[in-house]
Every structure is written in C-alpha cells, then in structure tokens.
Amino acid sequence: MTEESARNTANVLIAAAALGAAVIVLRNPKLRRLAWQLARQYASGPLPATVAMTVRDAWNESGSARRAAR
C-alpha cells in the first residue's frame, strides 16, 4: 500500500466516523442540546480570541512589510 492510498483510506474512515457521530448526536435530543451548548461556549470564548489574535498579527505583519519595502 502506498502512502497516498493509506492517506486516502484514513480520510475516508475519518469522514465516515464523523458522519456517524453527527447522526447519533442529531438523533438524540440530550446530545443535541449538549452539542449546541458547547458550540455556543466555543463561539463566545476561544473563537473570538483566536480571531482577534490573528487579526492583530496580520496588522503587525502588514506594517512591518511596508517598512521593509521602503
């Protein structure tokens, strides 16, 4: 088995597992509520912090690129 076919097989297996987990979560109301609560917590916590850090880094990099071009 080549490395490429091994990667493709692994990708298919991971996708199938993710789809199976999504079906289980969507069919169970208790798990669906838990998933929604976790998504809201993530969207109000780490996600905005990561976006702000990325924007700040991009802003800083754009300023240093201008100074280097002069």
Protein backbone atom coordinates (compact mmCIF):
# COMPACT_ATOMS: atom_id res chain seq x y z
CA MET A 1 0.00 0.00 0.00
CA THR A 2 1.41 3.37 -0.97
CA GLU A 3 1.43 6.35 1.35
CA GLU A 4 -1.12 8.15 -0.82
CA SER A 5 -3.60 5.28 -0.74
CA ALA A 6 -3.10 4.94 3.01
CA ARG A 7 -3.89 8.65 3.43
CA ASN A 8 -6.99 8.34 1.25
CA THR A 9 -8.19 5.32 3.22
CA ALA A 10 -7.62 7.13 6.50
CA ASN A 11 -9.51 10.19 5.22
CA VAL A 12 -12.48 8.06 4.21
CA LEU A 13 -12.54 6.30 7.59
CA ILE A 14 -12.35 9.59 9.50
CA ALA A 15 -15.13 11.10 7.38
CA ALA A 16 -17.32 8.04 7.97
CA ALA A 17 -16.71 8.20 11.72
CA ALA A 18 -17.52 11.93 11.81
CA LEU A 19 -20.71 11.39 9.83
CA GLY A 20 -21.75 8.55 12.12
CA ALA A 21 -21.12 10.65 15.21
CA ALA A 22 -23.11 13.54 13.72
CA VAL A 23 -26.07 11.25 13.02
CA ILE A 24 -26.01 9.93 16.59
CA VAL A 25 -25.82 13.44 18.06
CA LEU A 26 -28.61 14.78 15.84
CA ARG A 27 -30.97 11.90 16.67
CA ASN A 28 -30.54 12.18 20.45
CA PRO A 29 -32.13 15.34 21.94
CA LYS A 30 -29.91 15.27 25.04
CA LEU A 31 -26.72 15.06 22.97
CA ARG A 32 -28.06 17.67 20.53
CA ARG A 33 -28.58 20.15 23.42
CA LEU A 34 -25.12 19.40 24.79
CA ALA A 35 -23.53 19.94 21.36
CA TRP A 36 -25.39 23.24 20.97
CA GLN A 37 -24.25 24.44 24.41
CA LEU A 38 -20.63 23.52 23.66
CA ALA A 39 -20.79 25.30 20.31
CA ARG A 40 -22.16 28.46 21.95
CA GLN A 41 -19.44 28.38 24.63
CA TYR A 42 -16.74 27.95 21.99
CA ALA A 43 -18.20 30.75 19.87
CA SER A 44 -18.20 33.12 22.84
CA GLY A 45 -14.78 32.20 24.22
CA PRO A 46 -11.79 30.82 22.32
CA LEU A 47 -13.06 31.59 18.82
CA PRO A 48 -13.19 35.41 19.18
CA ALA A 49 -9.86 35.37 20.99
CA THR A 50 -8.25 33.41 18.15
CA VAL A 51 -9.75 35.71 15.52
CA ALA A 52 -8.58 38.81 17.40
CA MET A 53 -5.06 37.41 17.72
CA THR A 54 -4.95 36.52 14.03
CA VAL A 55 -6.14 39.99 13.01
CA ARG A 56 -3.60 41.63 15.33
CA ASP A 57 -0.76 39.51 13.94
CA ALA A 58 -1.81 40.31 10.36
CA TRP A 59 -1.98 44.01 11.21
CA ASN A 60 1.51 43.92 12.71
CA GLU A 61 2.91 41.96 9.76
CA SER A 62 1.40 44.37 7.23
CA GLY A 63 3.08 47.29 8.98
CA SER A 64 6.47 45.59 9.05
CA ALA A 65 6.16 44.66 5.38
CA ARG A 66 5.60 48.30 4.46
CA ARG A 67 8.63 49.44 6.44
CA ALA A 68 10.79 46.77 4.82
CA ALA A 69 9.65 47.82 1.32
CA ARG A 70 10.73 51.44 1.83
